[in-house]
C-alpha atoms as a PDB file:
ATOM      1  CA  MET A   1      -0.684  88.760  20.364  1.00  0.00           C
ATOM      2  CA  THR A   2      -0.172  89.879  16.548  1.00  0.00           C
ATOM      3  CA  SER A   3      -0.651  87.747  13.806  1.00  0.00           C
ATOM      4  CA  GLU A   4       2.951  87.703  13.214  1.00  0.00           C
ATOM      5  CA  THR A   5       3.570  85.969  16.588  1.00  0.00           C
ATOM      6  CA  SER A   6       0.268  83.835  16.328  1.00  0.00           C
ATOM      7  CA  GLY A   7       1.118  82.488  12.907  1.00  0.00           C
ATOM      8  CA  LEU A   8      -2.627  83.644  11.735  1.00  0.00           C
ATOM      9  CA  THR A   9      -2.309  85.051   8.213  1.00  0.00           C
ATOM     10  CA  HIS A  10      -6.351  86.260   8.425  1.00  0.00           C
ATOM     11  CA  ILE A  11      -6.010  88.086  11.800  1.00  0.00           C
ATOM     12  CA  GLY A  12      -4.965  91.676  11.860  1.00  0.00           C
ATOM     13  CA  ALA A  13      -2.281  93.212  14.980  1.00  0.00           C
ATOM     14  CA  SER A  14      -5.813  94.594  16.876  1.00  0.00           C
ATOM     15  CA  GLY A  15      -7.105  90.918  16.027  1.00  0.00           C
ATOM     16  CA  GLU A  16      -9.790  91.797  13.023  1.00  0.00           C
ATOM     17  CA  ALA A  17     -10.158  89.475  10.527  1.00  0.00           C
ATOM     18  CA  HIS A  18      -9.227  89.997   6.897  1.00  0.00           C
ATOM     19  CA  MET A  19      -8.622  88.718   3.387  1.00  0.00           C
ATOM     20  CA  VAL A  20      -4.698  88.290   2.774  1.00  0.00           C
ATOM     21  CA  ASP A  21      -2.923  90.234   0.145  1.00  0.00           C
ATOM     22  CA  VAL A  22      -1.572  87.861  -2.333  1.00  0.00           C
ATOM     23  CA  SER A  23      -0.915  90.418  -5.037  1.00  0.00           C
ATOM     24  CA  ALA A  24       2.883  90.267  -4.269  1.00  0.00           C
ATOM     25  CA  LYS A  25       2.915  86.543  -5.086  1.00  0.00           C
ATOM     26  CA  GLY A  26       3.988  85.184  -7.756  1.00  0.00           C
ATOM     27  CA  ASP A  27       1.996  82.269  -9.782  1.00  0.00           C
ATOM     28  CA  THR A  28       3.095  78.723  -9.048  1.00  0.00           C
ATOM     29  CA  VAL A  29       1.588  75.509  -9.939  1.00  0.00           C
ATOM     30  CA  ARG A  30      -0.322  74.378  -6.951  1.00  0.00           C
ATOM     31  CA  VAL A  31      -2.006  71.193  -6.007  1.00  0.00           C
ATOM     32  CA  ALA A  32      -3.781  69.782  -3.152  1.00  0.00           C
ATOM     33  CA  VAL A  33      -5.285  66.420  -2.273  1.00  0.00           C
ATOM     34  CA  ALA A  34      -7.581  65.508   0.796  1.00  0.00           C
ATOM     35  CA  GLU A  35      -9.865  62.901   1.795  1.00  0.00           C
ATOM     36  CA  GLY A  36     -12.837  61.215   3.523  1.00  0.00           C
ATOM     37  CA  PHE A  37     -15.218  58.632   4.195  1.00  0.00           C
ATOM     38  CA  VAL A  38     -18.600  57.782   4.638  1.00  0.00           C
ATOM     39  CA  LYS A  39     -19.064  54.637   7.240  1.00  0.00           C
ATOM     40  CA  MET A  40     -22.495  52.655   6.558  1.00  0.00           C
ATOM     41  CA  LYS A  41     -23.970  49.773   7.378  1.00  0.00           C
ATOM     42  CA  PRO A  42     -22.964  46.685   4.640  1.00  0.00           C
ATOM     43  CA  GLU A  43     -26.573  46.662   3.214  1.00  0.00           C
ATOM     44  CA  THR A  44     -26.300  50.376   2.343  1.00  0.00           C
ATOM     45  CA  LEU A  45     -23.074  50.203   0.891  1.00  0.00           C
ATOM     46  CA  SER A  46     -24.845  47.105  -1.388  1.00  0.00           C
ATOM     47  CA  THR A  47     -27.332  49.218  -2.152  1.00  0.00           C
ATOM     48  CA  ILE A  48     -25.326  51.961  -3.604  1.00  0.00           C
ATOM     49  CA  HIS A  49     -22.817  49.512  -5.540  1.00  0.00           C
ATOM     50  CA  GLU A  50     -26.379  48.063  -6.954  1.00  0.00           C
ATOM     51  CA  GLY A  51     -28.081  51.309  -8.168  1.00  0.00           C
ATOM     52  CA  ASN A  52     -30.848  50.815  -6.043  1.00  0.00           C
ATOM     53  CA  ALA A  53     -30.651  53.710  -3.834  1.00  0.00           C
ATOM     54  CA  LYS A  54     -34.002  55.654  -4.352  1.00  0.00           C
ATOM     55  CA  LYS A  55     -32.708  59.194  -5.317  1.00  0.00           C
ATOM     56  CA  GLY A  56     -30.400  57.536  -8.071  1.00  0.00           C
ATOM     57  CA  ASP A  57     -27.068  57.404  -8.758  1.00  0.00           C
ATOM     58  CA  VAL A  58     -25.549  58.016  -5.185  1.00  0.00           C
ATOM     59  CA  ILE A  59     -22.091  58.067  -6.861  1.00  0.00           C
ATOM     60  CA  GLY A  60     -22.013  59.957  -9.893  1.00  0.00           C
ATOM     61  CA  THR A  61     -24.566  62.782  -8.191  1.00  0.00           C
ATOM     62  CA  ALA A  62     -21.806  62.995  -4.869  1.00  0.00           C
ATOM     63  CA  ARG A  63     -18.918  63.066  -7.281  1.00  0.00           C
ATOM     64  CA  ILE A  64     -20.857  66.385  -9.356  1.00  0.00           C
ATOM     65  CA  ALA A  65     -21.493  67.900  -5.973  1.00  0.00           C
ATOM     66  CA  GLY A  66     -17.953  67.715  -4.910  1.00  0.00           C
ATOM     67  CA  ILE A  67     -16.750  69.511  -7.881  1.00  0.00           C
ATOM     68  CA  MET A  68     -19.288  71.862  -8.134  1.00  0.00           C
ATOM     69  CA  ALA A  69     -18.224  72.622  -4.555  1.00  0.00           C
ATOM     70  CA  ALA A  70     -14.785  73.039  -4.728  1.00  0.00           C
ATOM     71  CA  LYS A  71     -15.550  75.902  -7.681  1.00  0.00           C
ATOM     72  CA  GLN A  72     -17.739  77.446  -5.041  1.00  0.00           C
ATOM     73  CA  THR A  73     -15.329  77.870  -2.094  1.00  0.00           C
ATOM     74  CA  SER A  74     -14.744  81.381  -1.689  1.00  0.00           C
ATOM     75  CA  ASN A  75     -18.549  81.570  -1.330  1.00  0.00           C
ATOM     76  CA  LEU A  76     -18.819  78.862   1.650  1.00  0.00           C
ATOM     77  CA  ILE A  77     -15.625  79.901   3.799  1.00  0.00           C
ATOM     78  CA  PRO A  78     -14.737  83.616   4.873  1.00  0.00           C
ATOM     79  CA  LEU A  79     -11.992  84.993   3.759  1.00  0.00           C
ATOM     80  CA  CYS A  80     -11.324  82.491   0.865  1.00  0.00           C
ATOM     81  CA  HIS A  81      -9.903  84.368  -2.125  1.00  0.00           C
ATOM     82  CA  PRO A  82     -11.904  82.984  -5.503  1.00  0.00           C
ATOM     83  CA  LEU A  83      -9.956  80.804  -7.103  1.00  0.00           C
ATOM     84  CA  MET A  84      -9.880  80.062 -11.257  1.00  0.00           C
ATOM     85  CA  LEU A  85      -9.289  76.396 -10.707  1.00  0.00           C
ATOM     86  CA  SER A  86      -7.861  74.079 -13.565  1.00  0.00           C
ATOM     87  CA  LYS A  87      -8.406  70.839 -12.331  1.00  0.00           C
ATOM     88  CA  VAL A  88     -11.522  69.206  -9.905  1.00  0.00           C
ATOM     89  CA  SER A  89     -11.436  65.627  -9.621  1.00  0.00           C
ATOM     90  CA  VAL A  90     -13.352  63.164  -7.010  1.00  0.00           C
ATOM     91  CA  ASP A  91     -12.634  59.710  -7.281  1.00  0.00           C
ATOM     92  CA  ILE A  92     -14.986  57.877  -4.880  1.00  0.00           C
ATOM     93  CA  SER A  93     -14.066  53.932  -3.705  1.00  0.00           C
ATOM     94  CA  GLU A  94     -15.855  51.593  -1.788  1.00  0.00           C
ATOM     95  CA  ASP A  95     -14.026  49.980   1.342  1.00  0.00           C
ATOM     96  CA  PRO A  96     -15.344  47.181   2.563  1.00  0.00           C
ATOM     97  CA  ASP A  97     -13.380  47.184   5.680  1.00  0.00           C
ATOM     98  CA  LEU A  98     -15.117  50.674   6.826  1.00  0.00           C
ATOM     99  CA  PRO A  99     -17.663  49.212   5.425  1.00  0.00           C
ATOM    100  CA  GLY A 100     -18.750  52.081   3.117  1.00  0.00           C
ATOM    101  CA  LEU A 101     -17.221  54.754   0.711  1.00  0.00           C
ATOM    102  CA  ARG A 102     -13.648  56.705   0.910  1.00  0.00           C
ATOM    103  CA  VAL A 103     -13.772  60.105  -0.921  1.00  0.00           C
ATOM    104  CA  GLU A 104     -10.358  61.741  -2.404  1.00  0.00           C
ATOM    105  CA  ALA A 105     -10.722  65.078  -3.491  1.00  0.00           C
ATOM    106  CA  THR A 106      -7.749  66.404  -6.164  1.00  0.00           C
ATOM    107  CA  VAL A 107      -7.548  70.451  -7.195  1.00  0.00           C
ATOM    108  CA  LYS A 108      -5.349  72.038  -9.418  1.00  0.00           C
ATOM    109  CA  LEU A 109      -4.437  75.837 -10.302  1.00  0.00           C
ATOM    110  CA  THR A 110      -1.449  78.169 -10.918  1.00  0.00           C
ATOM    111  CA  GLY A 111      -1.847  81.225  -9.308  1.00  0.00           C
ATOM    112  CA  LYS A 112      -0.636  82.907  -6.043  1.00  0.00           C
ATOM    113  CA  THR A 113      -2.678  80.758  -3.302  1.00  0.00           C
ATOM    114  CA  GLY A 114      -3.047  77.269  -2.412  1.00  0.00           C
ATOM    115  CA  VAL A 115      -6.129  75.118  -3.163  1.00  0.00           C
ATOM    116  CA  GLU A 116      -6.132  73.036   0.207  1.00  0.00           C
ATOM    117  CA  MET A 117      -9.625  74.571   1.038  1.00  0.00           C
ATOM    118  CA  GLU A 118     -11.050  73.464  -1.956  1.00  0.00           C
ATOM    119  CA  ALA A 119      -9.774  70.385  -2.180  1.00  0.00           C
ATOM    120  CA  LEU A 120     -11.180  69.917   1.754  1.00  0.00           C
ATOM    121  CA  THR A 121     -14.403  71.738   0.725  1.00  0.00           C
ATOM    122  CA  ALA A 122     -15.071  68.927  -2.174  1.00  0.00           C
ATOM    123  CA  VAL A 123     -14.331  66.148   0.004  1.00  0.00           C
ATOM    124  CA  SER A 124     -16.999  67.594   2.588  1.00  0.00           C
ATOM    125  CA  VAL A 125     -19.677  67.900   0.585  1.00  0.00           C
ATOM    126  CA  THR A 126     -19.151  64.814  -1.345  1.00  0.00           C
ATOM    127  CA  CYS A 127     -19.596  62.889   1.654  1.00  0.00           C
ATOM    128  CA  LEU A 128     -22.821  64.946   2.361  1.00  0.00           C
ATOM    129  CA  THR A 129     -24.345  64.243  -0.608  1.00  0.00           C
ATOM    130  CA  ILE A 130     -23.473  60.328  -0.175  1.00  0.00           C
ATOM    131  CA  TYR A 131     -25.488  60.587   3.219  1.00  0.00           C
ATOM    132  CA  ASP A 132     -28.325  62.825   2.033  1.00  0.00           C
ATOM    133  CA  MET A 133     -28.651  60.238  -0.604  1.00  0.00           C
ATOM    134  CA  ALA A 134     -28.488  57.097   1.017  1.00  0.00           C
ATOM    135  CA  LYS A 135     -30.138  58.494   4.663  1.00  0.00           C
ATOM    136  CA  ALA A 136     -33.459  57.060   3.598  1.00  0.00           C
ATOM    137  CA  VAL A 137     -31.472  53.994   4.040  1.00  0.00           C
ATOM    138  CA  ASP A 138     -29.558  54.315   6.606  1.00  0.00           C
ATOM    139  CA  LYS A 139     -29.488  57.252   9.008  1.00  0.00           C
ATOM    140  CA  THR A 140     -26.666  55.852  11.196  1.00  0.00           C
ATOM    141  CA  MET A 141     -23.965  56.475   8.677  1.00  0.00           C
ATOM    142  CA  GLU A 142     -20.649  58.620   9.942  1.00  0.00           C
ATOM    143  CA  ILE A 143     -19.094  60.814   8.212  1.00  0.00           C
ATOM    144  CA  GLY A 144     -15.222  61.122   9.092  1.00  0.00           C
ATOM    145  CA  GLY A 145     -11.550  61.605   8.179  1.00  0.00           C
ATOM    146  CA  ILE A 146     -11.345  64.482   5.971  1.00  0.00           C
ATOM    147  CA  ARG A 147      -8.113  65.837   5.962  1.00  0.00           C
ATOM    148  CA  VAL A 148      -5.320  67.389   3.769  1.00  0.00           C
ATOM    149  CA  MET A 149      -3.086  64.347   2.347  1.00  0.00           C
ATOM    150  CA  GLU A 150      -0.754  66.166   0.298  1.00  0.00           C
ATOM    151  CA  LYS A 151       0.087  69.822  -1.203  1.00  0.00           C
ATOM    152  CA  SER A 152       2.698  71.233  -3.641  1.00  0.00           C
ATOM    153  CA  GLY A 153       3.281  74.763  -4.883  1.00  0.00           C
ATOM    154  CA  GLY A 154       3.746  78.227  -2.991  1.00  0.00           C
ATOM    155  CA  LYS A 155       6.164  79.550  -0.449  1.00  0.00           C
ATOM    156  CA  SER A 156       5.583  76.909   2.586  1.00  0.00           C
ATOM    157  CA  GLY A 157       6.523  74.054   0.126  1.00  0.00           C
ATOM    158  CA  ASP A 158       5.207  70.632  -0.245  1.00  0.00           C
ATOM    159  CA  PHE A 159       3.712  68.156   2.614  1.00  0.00           C
ATOM    160  CA  ARG A 160       2.507  65.029   2.085  1.00  0.00           C
ATOM    161  CA  HIS A 161       0.510  63.624   5.340  1.00  0.00           C
ATOM    162  CA  PRO A 162       2.531  60.903   7.032  1.00  0.00           C
ATOM    163  CA  GLU A 163       0.163  57.980   6.466  1.00  0.00           C
ATOM    164  CA  ARG A 164       0.027  58.762   2.593  1.00  0.00           C
ATOM    165  CA  GLY A 165       3.034  56.741   2.467  1.00  0.00           C
END
């Protein structure tokens, strides 16, 4: 099975991994939005909300960690291109129905390749940082729901997750 028949762009005809050559592609504006959550005990959410976590500002620290992670994606994920991102935002909101925190990351650039991996990495590291900063209070926290919700730009066109509405 070749990469053309499998649909995998990072696998050559002999099965070897390689970084995709994007040099012939034109620059387009590309945006990706990813989301995830950290489910926790209601009292853990209260501790974070009230600013009483022993390690400090959970929300602020996690947001910075997510932004930094997006910028480091090519160092973490094999075969990702290093990108000059023009925007990274990480929003963290309380969801009493989980209970817990919902994370959404938006990443943007004008370039030759998409930013879905950067948005997913931002969400993942944000969630991991929330866990790390609150684990002394609640070791039962659950990280989940990490997925791309929308993306625009590039040859494959736009995508909007059906749950995005």
